[in-house]
Amino acid sequence: MYYVYILKCRDNTLYTGYTNNIKDRIQTHNSGKGAKYTRGRLPVELKYFEEFEDKGEALKREHEIKKLSREDKVLLIQEGKS
């Protein structure tokens, strides 16, 4: 499985990424060894994720989410928790 996820950083910004192991990836981010963006904004908290069987689909969805405005990402997070 592949996952596209949204993290909330300590400074209240949102980070979107993809992985094939979501639990390990969040731990990597929080250990300071994840994306350069998140290293100075620790800790991060998983707020949203989607699952995909195909890596290409996950990467396409990651790109779509990254193009969304912050407001649209917040709505996506809220809808995912309904």
N, C-alpha and C. Protein backbone atom coordinates (compact mmCIF):
# COMPACT_ATOMS: atom_id res chain seq x y z
N MET A 1 0.83 -1.19 0.00
CA MET A 1 0.00 0.00 0.00
C MET A 1 0.87 1.25 0.00
N TYR A 2 0.33 2.28 -0.59
CA TYR A 2 0.96 3.60 -0.60
C TYR A 2 0.00 4.58 0.04
N TYR A 3 0.56 5.58 0.68
CA TYR A 3 -0.24 6.55 1.41
C TYR A 3 0.14 7.96 1.03
N VAL A 4 -0.86 8.81 0.92
CA VAL A 4 -0.67 10.24 0.79
C VAL A 4 -1.19 10.80 2.11
N TYR A 5 -0.42 11.70 2.70
CA TYR A 5 -0.77 12.18 4.03
C TYR A 5 -0.57 13.68 4.17
N ILE A 6 -1.28 14.22 5.15
CA ILE A 6 -1.11 15.63 5.51
C ILE A 6 -0.73 15.68 6.98
N LEU A 7 0.35 16.39 7.25
CA LEU A 7 0.81 16.59 8.62
C LEU A 7 0.56 18.02 9.04
N LYS A 8 0.26 18.20 10.31
CA LYS A 8 0.20 19.54 10.90
C LYS A 8 1.50 19.73 11.67
N CYS A 9 2.22 20.78 11.34
CA CYS A 9 3.49 21.08 11.99
C CYS A 9 3.27 21.95 13.23
N ARG A 10 4.30 22.04 14.06
CA ARG A 10 4.22 22.82 15.30
C ARG A 10 3.81 24.27 15.03
N ASP A 11 4.26 24.82 13.90
CA ASP A 11 3.93 26.22 13.58
C ASP A 11 2.58 26.36 12.88
N ASN A 12 1.78 25.28 12.90
CA ASN A 12 0.42 25.26 12.36
C ASN A 12 0.40 25.23 10.82
N THR A 13 1.53 25.00 10.17
CA THR A 13 1.54 24.83 8.73
C THR A 13 1.22 23.38 8.41
N LEU A 14 0.88 23.13 7.15
CA LEU A 14 0.54 21.78 6.71
C LEU A 14 1.59 21.28 5.73
N TYR A 15 1.93 20.01 5.84
CA TYR A 15 2.89 19.38 4.94
C TYR A 15 2.23 18.15 4.32
N THR A 16 2.36 17.98 3.02
CA THR A 16 1.79 16.84 2.31
C THR A 16 2.91 15.98 1.76
N GLY A 17 2.79 14.68 1.91
CA GLY A 17 3.79 13.75 1.39
C GLY A 17 3.17 12.41 1.05
N TYR A 18 4.03 11.49 0.60
CA TYR A 18 3.57 10.14 0.33
C TYR A 18 4.60 9.15 0.85
N THR A 19 4.16 7.92 1.13
CA THR A 19 5.04 6.89 1.66
C THR A 19 4.41 5.52 1.44
N ASN A 20 5.20 4.48 1.66
CA ASN A 20 4.64 3.13 1.63
C ASN A 20 4.53 2.55 3.05
N ASN A 21 4.94 3.34 4.06
CA ASN A 21 4.83 2.92 5.46
C ASN A 21 4.56 4.17 6.30
N ILE A 22 3.31 4.42 6.54
CA ILE A 22 2.94 5.70 7.17
C ILE A 22 3.43 5.82 8.60
N LYS A 23 3.36 4.75 9.38
CA LYS A 23 3.81 4.80 10.77
C LYS A 23 5.31 5.14 10.84
N ASP A 24 6.12 4.45 10.05
CA ASP A 24 7.56 4.72 10.05
C ASP A 24 7.86 6.13 9.53
N ARG A 25 7.11 6.58 8.55
CA ARG A 25 7.37 7.90 7.97
C ARG A 25 7.10 9.01 8.98
N ILE A 26 6.05 8.89 9.76
CA ILE A 26 5.75 9.90 10.78
C ILE A 26 6.86 9.90 11.83
N GLN A 27 7.32 8.72 12.23
CA GLN A 27 8.42 8.63 13.19
C GLN A 27 9.69 9.26 12.62
N THR A 28 9.94 9.05 11.32
CA THR A 28 11.10 9.64 10.68
C THR A 28 11.00 11.16 10.70
N HIS A 29 9.83 11.68 10.37
CA HIS A 29 9.64 13.14 10.43
C HIS A 29 9.92 13.65 11.84
N ASN A 30 9.33 13.01 12.83
CA ASN A 30 9.45 13.49 14.21
C ASN A 30 10.84 13.28 14.80
N SER A 31 11.65 12.44 14.19
CA SER A 31 13.03 12.26 14.66
C SER A 31 13.96 13.30 14.05
N GLY A 32 13.41 14.15 13.15
CA GLY A 32 14.22 15.18 12.51
C GLY A 32 14.93 14.70 11.27
N LYS A 33 14.61 13.49 10.81
CA LYS A 33 15.27 12.93 9.63
C LYS A 33 14.35 12.87 8.42
N GLY A 34 13.20 13.51 8.52
CA GLY A 34 12.25 13.52 7.41
C GLY A 34 12.55 14.65 6.45
N ALA A 35 11.53 15.17 5.85
CA ALA A 35 11.67 16.25 4.87
C ALA A 35 12.30 17.48 5.51
N LYS A 36 13.07 18.18 4.72
CA LYS A 36 13.73 19.40 5.19
C LYS A 36 12.71 20.39 5.75
N TYR A 37 11.54 20.46 5.11
CA TYR A 37 10.50 21.39 5.54
C TYR A 37 10.08 21.13 6.98
N THR A 38 9.93 19.87 7.35
CA THR A 38 9.41 19.55 8.68
C THR A 38 10.46 19.59 9.78
N ARG A 39 11.73 19.52 9.43
CA ARG A 39 12.79 19.44 10.45
C ARG A 39 12.76 20.59 11.45
N GLY A 40 12.47 21.78 10.99
CA GLY A 40 12.43 22.93 11.89
C GLY A 40 11.05 23.22 12.44
N ARG A 41 10.13 22.31 12.20
CA ARG A 41 8.74 22.55 12.62
C ARG A 41 8.19 21.38 13.44
N LEU A 42 9.05 20.75 14.19
CA LEU A 42 8.67 19.56 14.96
C LEU A 42 8.04 19.95 16.28
N PRO A 43 7.17 19.12 16.83
CA PRO A 43 6.74 17.84 16.26
C PRO A 43 5.65 18.03 15.21
N VAL A 44 5.46 16.98 14.43
CA VAL A 44 4.38 16.97 13.45
C VAL A 44 3.32 15.97 13.89
N GLU A 45 2.10 16.19 13.43
CA GLU A 45 0.98 15.33 13.79
C GLU A 45 0.23 14.94 12.53
N LEU A 46 -0.04 13.65 12.37
CA LEU A 46 -0.80 13.17 11.22
C LEU A 46 -2.24 13.63 11.35
N LYS A 47 -2.72 14.34 10.32
CA LYS A 47 -4.08 14.86 10.34
C LYS A 47 -4.99 14.17 9.32
N TYR A 48 -4.38 13.60 8.26
CA TYR A 48 -5.19 13.05 7.17
C TYR A 48 -4.33 12.10 6.35
N PHE A 49 -4.95 11.03 5.83
CA PHE A 49 -4.26 10.18 4.87
C PHE A 49 -5.25 9.47 3.97
N GLU A 50 -4.76 9.06 2.81
CA GLU A 50 -5.51 8.26 1.85
C GLU A 50 -4.63 7.07 1.47
N GLU A 51 -5.24 5.93 1.17
CA GLU A 51 -4.52 4.71 0.79
C GLU A 51 -4.65 4.45 -0.71
N PHE A 52 -3.58 3.92 -1.29
CA PHE A 52 -3.57 3.58 -2.71
C PHE A 52 -2.81 2.27 -2.90
N GLU A 53 -3.24 1.47 -3.85
CA GLU A 53 -2.54 0.24 -4.17
C GLU A 53 -1.42 0.49 -5.17
N ASP A 54 -1.51 1.58 -5.91
CA ASP A 54 -0.56 1.89 -6.98
C ASP A 54 0.25 3.14 -6.63
N LYS A 55 1.57 3.04 -6.75
CA LYS A 55 2.45 4.18 -6.43
C LYS A 55 2.15 5.38 -7.31
N GLY A 56 1.91 5.14 -8.58
CA GLY A 56 1.61 6.23 -9.51
C GLY A 56 0.37 7.01 -9.11
N GLU A 57 -0.66 6.28 -8.68
CA GLU A 57 -1.89 6.94 -8.23
C GLU A 57 -1.61 7.79 -6.99
N ALA A 58 -0.81 7.26 -6.08
CA ALA A 58 -0.48 8.00 -4.85
C ALA A 58 0.28 9.28 -5.19
N LEU A 59 1.25 9.17 -6.08
CA LEU A 59 2.03 10.36 -6.45
C LEU A 59 1.17 11.40 -7.15
N LYS A 60 0.24 10.93 -7.98
CA LYS A 60 -0.67 11.85 -8.67
C LYS A 60 -1.54 12.59 -7.64
N ARG A 61 -2.06 11.85 -6.68
CA ARG A 61 -2.91 12.45 -5.65
C ARG A 61 -2.11 13.41 -4.76
N GLU A 62 -0.88 13.04 -4.43
CA GLU A 62 -0.02 13.94 -3.65
C GLU A 62 0.13 15.27 -4.38
N HIS A 63 0.39 15.20 -5.67
CA HIS A 63 0.54 16.42 -6.47
C HIS A 63 -0.74 17.26 -6.46
N GLU A 64 -1.89 16.59 -6.59
CA GLU A 64 -3.18 17.29 -6.56
C GLU A 64 -3.38 18.01 -5.23
N ILE A 65 -3.08 17.33 -4.13
CA ILE A 65 -3.28 17.92 -2.81
C ILE A 65 -2.33 19.09 -2.60
N LYS A 66 -1.09 18.94 -3.04
CA LYS A 66 -0.11 20.02 -2.87
C LYS A 66 -0.53 21.29 -3.59
N LYS A 67 -1.31 21.16 -4.66
CA LYS A 67 -1.77 22.34 -5.40
C LYS A 67 -2.96 23.02 -4.73
N LEU A 68 -3.61 22.36 -3.78
CA LEU A 68 -4.76 22.94 -3.09
C LEU A 68 -4.33 24.10 -2.19
N SER A 69 -5.25 25.02 -1.97
CA SER A 69 -5.01 26.09 -1.01
C SER A 69 -5.04 25.50 0.40
N ARG A 70 -4.51 26.24 1.34
CA ARG A 70 -4.56 25.80 2.74
C ARG A 70 -6.01 25.56 3.18
N GLU A 71 -6.89 26.46 2.79
CA GLU A 71 -8.29 26.34 3.16
C GLU A 71 -8.89 25.03 2.63
N ASP A 72 -8.55 24.69 1.39
CA ASP A 72 -9.06 23.44 0.82
C ASP A 72 -8.46 22.22 1.50
N LYS A 73 -7.22 22.32 1.91
CA LYS A 73 -6.61 21.20 2.66
C LYS A 73 -7.28 21.03 4.01
N VAL A 74 -7.59 22.14 4.67
CA VAL A 74 -8.28 22.07 5.96
C VAL A 74 -9.66 21.42 5.78
N LEU A 75 -10.37 21.79 4.71
CA LEU A 75 -11.66 21.17 4.43
C LEU A 75 -11.51 19.67 4.17
N LEU A 76 -10.49 19.28 3.44
CA LEU A 76 -10.23 17.87 3.19
C LEU A 76 -10.00 17.11 4.48
N ILE A 77 -9.22 17.70 5.38
CA ILE A 77 -8.97 17.09 6.70
C ILE A 77 -10.28 16.95 7.47
N GLN A 78 -11.09 18.01 7.48
CA GLN A 78 -12.36 17.97 8.21
C GLN A 78 -13.32 16.95 7.63
N GLU A 79 -13.38 16.86 6.30
CA GLU A 79 -14.27 15.89 5.65
C GLU A 79 -13.82 14.47 5.93
N GLY A 80 -12.53 14.26 6.03
CA GLY A 80 -11.99 12.94 6.30
C GLY A 80 -12.29 12.44 7.69
N LYS A 81 -12.62 13.35 8.59
CA LYS A 81 -12.92 12.97 9.97
C LYS A 81 -14.41 12.86 10.23
N SER A 82 -15.22 13.06 9.21
CA SER A 82 -16.67 12.99 9.39
C SER A 82 -17.13 11.58 9.63
